[in-house]
Amino acid sequence: ALAGDGTFLCRTCEYGVRQAGCDLCPLVGGALKICADGGWAHVACATWLPETHFEDTVAMEPILGVAAVSRSRRRIKCVVCRTNRGAVL
């Protein structure tokens, strides 16, 4: 979004949120979009998980289906980051 002075604001800054974390992975910051439940998630995370999708595919928000991500997926250890925090792809 554009601020009043013509500068670009990312979605979290537009909402006044600082240090937002992804509801689908352990990372903080990045290309986050709002979720239908009020949380935040990375566009990449929402794109790659089969349980999640975008209500508006052009604006890529809100992200739907975060609550549908299975508990078993959230307990698997990631081979990349070696943590079991988040939803493994």
N, C-alpha and C. Protein backbone atom coordinates (compact mmCIF):
# COMPACT_ATOMS: atom_id res chain seq x y z
N ALA A 1 0.84 -1.19 0.00
CA ALA A 1 0.00 0.00 0.00
C ALA A 1 0.88 1.24 0.00
N LEU A 2 0.35 2.29 -0.52
CA LEU A 2 1.09 3.55 -0.53
C LEU A 2 0.69 4.41 0.65
N ALA A 3 1.71 4.95 1.32
CA ALA A 3 1.46 5.88 2.43
C ALA A 3 1.08 7.23 1.83
N GLY A 4 0.65 8.13 2.66
CA GLY A 4 0.23 9.46 2.20
C GLY A 4 1.31 10.21 1.45
N ASP A 5 2.58 9.93 1.75
CA ASP A 5 3.67 10.62 1.07
C ASP A 5 4.15 9.88 -0.17
N GLY A 6 3.45 8.80 -0.56
CA GLY A 6 3.80 8.06 -1.76
C GLY A 6 4.78 6.92 -1.55
N THR A 7 5.24 6.72 -0.31
CA THR A 7 6.14 5.60 -0.04
C THR A 7 5.34 4.32 0.13
N PHE A 8 5.99 3.19 -0.13
CA PHE A 8 5.33 1.89 -0.02
C PHE A 8 5.38 1.39 1.41
N LEU A 9 4.28 0.84 1.86
CA LEU A 9 4.21 0.18 3.17
C LEU A 9 3.83 -1.27 2.97
N CYS A 10 4.58 -2.17 3.60
CA CYS A 10 4.18 -3.58 3.56
C CYS A 10 2.91 -3.73 4.40
N ARG A 11 2.26 -4.88 4.30
CA ARG A 11 0.97 -5.07 4.95
C ARG A 11 1.08 -4.97 6.48
N THR A 12 2.12 -5.54 7.07
CA THR A 12 2.25 -5.46 8.53
C THR A 12 2.46 -4.03 8.98
N CYS A 13 3.27 -3.25 8.26
CA CYS A 13 3.47 -1.84 8.62
C CYS A 13 2.19 -1.04 8.44
N GLU A 14 1.45 -1.37 7.39
CA GLU A 14 0.18 -0.69 7.16
C GLU A 14 -0.77 -0.90 8.33
N TYR A 15 -0.73 -2.09 8.93
CA TYR A 15 -1.56 -2.41 10.09
C TYR A 15 -0.93 -1.96 11.40
N GLY A 16 0.30 -1.44 11.35
CA GLY A 16 0.98 -0.99 12.57
C GLY A 16 1.55 -2.12 13.40
N VAL A 17 1.81 -3.26 12.78
CA VAL A 17 2.33 -4.43 13.48
C VAL A 17 3.85 -4.48 13.30
N ARG A 18 4.57 -4.63 14.38
CA ARG A 18 6.03 -4.76 14.33
C ARG A 18 6.42 -6.15 14.78
N GLN A 19 7.41 -6.72 14.13
CA GLN A 19 7.94 -8.04 14.49
C GLN A 19 6.87 -9.13 14.43
N ALA A 20 6.10 -9.16 13.39
CA ALA A 20 5.08 -10.19 13.22
C ALA A 20 5.75 -11.51 12.85
N GLY A 21 5.24 -12.57 13.40
CA GLY A 21 5.72 -13.90 13.09
C GLY A 21 4.71 -14.66 12.25
N CYS A 22 5.21 -15.64 11.54
CA CYS A 22 4.35 -16.46 10.69
C CYS A 22 3.65 -17.53 11.52
N ASP A 23 2.36 -17.71 11.30
CA ASP A 23 1.60 -18.76 11.99
C ASP A 23 1.90 -20.14 11.44
N LEU A 24 2.68 -20.23 10.36
CA LEU A 24 2.95 -21.51 9.72
C LEU A 24 4.42 -21.93 9.80
N CYS A 25 5.30 -21.03 10.20
CA CYS A 25 6.72 -21.37 10.33
C CYS A 25 7.33 -20.57 11.47
N PRO A 26 8.56 -20.87 11.88
CA PRO A 26 9.15 -20.17 13.02
C PRO A 26 9.79 -18.82 12.69
N LEU A 27 9.72 -18.35 11.46
CA LEU A 27 10.39 -17.11 11.09
C LEU A 27 9.56 -15.87 11.40
N VAL A 28 10.27 -14.81 11.73
CA VAL A 28 9.64 -13.51 12.01
C VAL A 28 9.99 -12.58 10.85
N GLY A 29 9.01 -11.76 10.43
CA GLY A 29 9.24 -10.81 9.34
C GLY A 29 9.10 -11.46 7.98
N GLY A 30 9.33 -10.69 6.96
CA GLY A 30 9.23 -11.20 5.60
C GLY A 30 7.93 -10.79 4.94
N ALA A 31 7.60 -11.46 3.85
CA ALA A 31 6.41 -11.15 3.06
C ALA A 31 5.18 -11.77 3.71
N LEU A 32 4.66 -11.11 4.72
CA LEU A 32 3.52 -11.62 5.49
C LEU A 32 2.22 -11.01 5.01
N LYS A 33 1.19 -11.82 5.03
CA LYS A 33 -0.17 -11.37 4.73
C LYS A 33 -1.06 -11.77 5.89
N ILE A 34 -2.15 -11.06 6.05
CA ILE A 34 -3.06 -11.33 7.16
C ILE A 34 -3.84 -12.62 6.90
N CYS A 35 -4.08 -13.34 7.97
CA CYS A 35 -4.89 -14.57 7.92
C CYS A 35 -6.32 -14.23 8.31
N ALA A 36 -7.25 -15.06 7.91
CA ALA A 36 -8.66 -14.83 8.23
C ALA A 36 -8.90 -14.78 9.73
N ASP A 37 -8.06 -15.49 10.50
CA ASP A 37 -8.23 -15.50 11.96
C ASP A 37 -7.52 -14.35 12.66
N GLY A 38 -6.91 -13.44 11.89
CA GLY A 38 -6.25 -12.28 12.47
C GLY A 38 -4.74 -12.44 12.64
N GLY A 39 -4.22 -13.64 12.41
CA GLY A 39 -2.78 -13.85 12.50
C GLY A 39 -2.09 -13.42 11.21
N TRP A 40 -0.83 -13.82 11.06
CA TRP A 40 -0.04 -13.48 9.90
C TRP A 40 0.67 -14.73 9.39
N ALA A 41 0.88 -14.80 8.09
CA ALA A 41 1.61 -15.93 7.51
C ALA A 41 2.34 -15.46 6.26
N HIS A 42 3.46 -16.11 5.99
CA HIS A 42 4.21 -15.81 4.78
C HIS A 42 3.42 -16.26 3.55
N VAL A 43 3.53 -15.49 2.50
CA VAL A 43 2.89 -15.84 1.23
C VAL A 43 3.41 -17.21 0.77
N ALA A 44 4.71 -17.43 0.87
CA ALA A 44 5.29 -18.71 0.43
C ALA A 44 4.75 -19.88 1.25
N CYS A 45 4.65 -19.72 2.55
CA CYS A 45 4.13 -20.80 3.40
C CYS A 45 2.70 -21.14 3.01
N ALA A 46 1.87 -20.12 2.84
CA ALA A 46 0.46 -20.34 2.49
C ALA A 46 0.32 -20.94 1.09
N THR A 47 1.24 -20.60 0.21
CA THR A 47 1.18 -21.13 -1.15
C THR A 47 1.50 -22.61 -1.20
N TRP A 48 2.47 -23.04 -0.42
CA TRP A 48 2.95 -24.42 -0.50
C TRP A 48 2.21 -25.43 0.36
N LEU A 49 1.47 -24.98 1.36
CA LEU A 49 0.73 -25.93 2.21
C LEU A 49 -0.62 -26.26 1.57
N PRO A 50 -0.94 -27.53 1.46
CA PRO A 50 -2.20 -27.90 0.80
C PRO A 50 -3.45 -27.46 1.57
N GLU A 51 -3.33 -27.25 2.86
CA GLU A 51 -4.49 -26.87 3.67
C GLU A 51 -4.84 -25.39 3.55
N THR A 52 -3.91 -24.57 3.11
CA THR A 52 -4.13 -23.13 3.09
C THR A 52 -4.33 -22.60 1.67
N HIS A 53 -5.04 -21.49 1.59
CA HIS A 53 -5.27 -20.84 0.30
C HIS A 53 -5.65 -19.38 0.54
N PHE A 54 -5.70 -18.62 -0.53
CA PHE A 54 -6.02 -17.19 -0.45
C PHE A 54 -7.47 -16.97 -0.85
N GLU A 55 -8.18 -16.17 -0.07
CA GLU A 55 -9.55 -15.83 -0.44
C GLU A 55 -9.54 -14.99 -1.72
N ASP A 56 -8.66 -14.02 -1.77
CA ASP A 56 -8.50 -13.18 -2.96
C ASP A 56 -7.14 -13.54 -3.57
N THR A 57 -7.15 -14.21 -4.70
CA THR A 57 -5.90 -14.69 -5.28
C THR A 57 -5.07 -13.58 -5.93
N VAL A 58 -5.66 -12.43 -6.18
CA VAL A 58 -4.90 -11.31 -6.73
C VAL A 58 -4.17 -10.58 -5.60
N ALA A 59 -4.90 -10.22 -4.55
CA ALA A 59 -4.30 -9.53 -3.40
C ALA A 59 -3.54 -10.50 -2.50
N MET A 60 -3.79 -11.80 -2.68
CA MET A 60 -3.16 -12.87 -1.89
C MET A 60 -3.44 -12.70 -0.39
N GLU A 61 -4.70 -12.37 -0.09
CA GLU A 61 -5.15 -12.27 1.29
C GLU A 61 -6.67 -12.21 1.34
N PRO A 62 -7.27 -12.51 2.44
CA PRO A 62 -6.65 -13.12 3.61
C PRO A 62 -6.32 -14.59 3.33
N ILE A 63 -5.44 -15.11 4.17
CA ILE A 63 -5.06 -16.51 4.07
C ILE A 63 -6.06 -17.33 4.86
N LEU A 64 -6.64 -18.32 4.21
CA LEU A 64 -7.63 -19.20 4.83
C LEU A 64 -7.02 -20.58 5.07
N GLY A 65 -7.56 -21.31 6.03
CA GLY A 65 -7.18 -22.69 6.25
C GLY A 65 -6.05 -22.93 7.23
N VAL A 66 -5.57 -21.89 7.90
CA VAL A 66 -4.45 -22.06 8.84
C VAL A 66 -4.83 -23.04 9.95
N ALA A 67 -6.05 -22.94 10.44
CA ALA A 67 -6.50 -23.84 11.51
C ALA A 67 -6.62 -25.29 11.02
N ALA A 68 -6.73 -25.48 9.72
CA ALA A 68 -6.86 -26.82 9.15
C ALA A 68 -5.54 -27.56 9.03
N VAL A 69 -4.42 -26.87 9.25
CA VAL A 69 -3.11 -27.53 9.18
C VAL A 69 -3.04 -28.54 10.32
N SER A 70 -2.79 -29.78 9.97
CA SER A 70 -2.86 -30.86 10.95
C SER A 70 -1.79 -30.74 12.04
N ARG A 71 -2.14 -31.22 13.22
CA ARG A 71 -1.19 -31.24 14.34
C ARG A 71 0.01 -32.13 14.02
N SER A 72 -0.21 -33.21 13.30
CA SER A 72 0.89 -34.10 12.96
C SER A 72 1.91 -33.39 12.07
N ARG A 73 1.45 -32.55 11.15
CA ARG A 73 2.36 -31.79 10.30
C ARG A 73 3.20 -30.82 11.14
N ARG A 74 2.61 -30.28 12.18
CA ARG A 74 3.31 -29.32 13.04
C ARG A 74 4.32 -29.98 13.98
N ARG A 75 4.27 -31.30 14.12
CA ARG A 75 5.20 -32.01 15.01
C ARG A 75 6.40 -32.61 14.28
N ILE A 76 6.40 -32.60 12.98
CA ILE A 76 7.48 -33.19 12.20
C ILE A 76 8.69 -32.26 12.22
N LYS A 77 9.88 -32.83 12.35
CA LYS A 77 11.09 -32.02 12.33
C LYS A 77 11.48 -31.70 10.89
N CYS A 78 11.74 -30.44 10.64
CA CYS A 78 12.13 -29.98 9.31
C CYS A 78 13.58 -30.37 9.03
N VAL A 79 13.84 -30.89 7.84
CA VAL A 79 15.20 -31.27 7.49
C VAL A 79 16.06 -30.05 7.15
N VAL A 80 15.44 -28.90 6.89
CA VAL A 80 16.18 -27.69 6.56
C VAL A 80 16.59 -26.95 7.83
N CYS A 81 15.61 -26.58 8.65
CA CYS A 81 15.93 -25.78 9.84
C CYS A 81 16.09 -26.62 11.11
N ARG A 82 15.80 -27.90 11.04
CA ARG A 82 15.98 -28.85 12.15
C ARG A 82 15.15 -28.50 13.38
N THR A 83 14.02 -27.85 13.18
CA THR A 83 13.12 -27.59 14.29
C THR A 83 11.77 -28.24 13.98
N ASN A 84 10.96 -28.41 14.99
CA ASN A 84 9.61 -28.89 14.78
C ASN A 84 8.61 -27.79 15.10
N ARG A 85 9.03 -26.56 14.90
CA ARG A 85 8.15 -25.40 15.09
C ARG A 85 7.65 -24.99 13.72
N GLY A 86 6.37 -25.02 13.54
CA GLY A 86 5.79 -24.64 12.25
C GLY A 86 5.22 -25.83 11.53
N ALA A 87 4.74 -25.61 10.35
CA ALA A 87 4.12 -26.65 9.55
C ALA A 87 5.07 -27.06 8.43
N VAL A 88 5.56 -28.27 8.50
CA VAL A 88 6.52 -28.76 7.51
C VAL A 88 5.82 -28.91 6.16
N LEU A 89 6.49 -28.48 5.12
CA LEU A 89 5.93 -28.57 3.77
C LEU A 89 5.99 -30.00 3.26
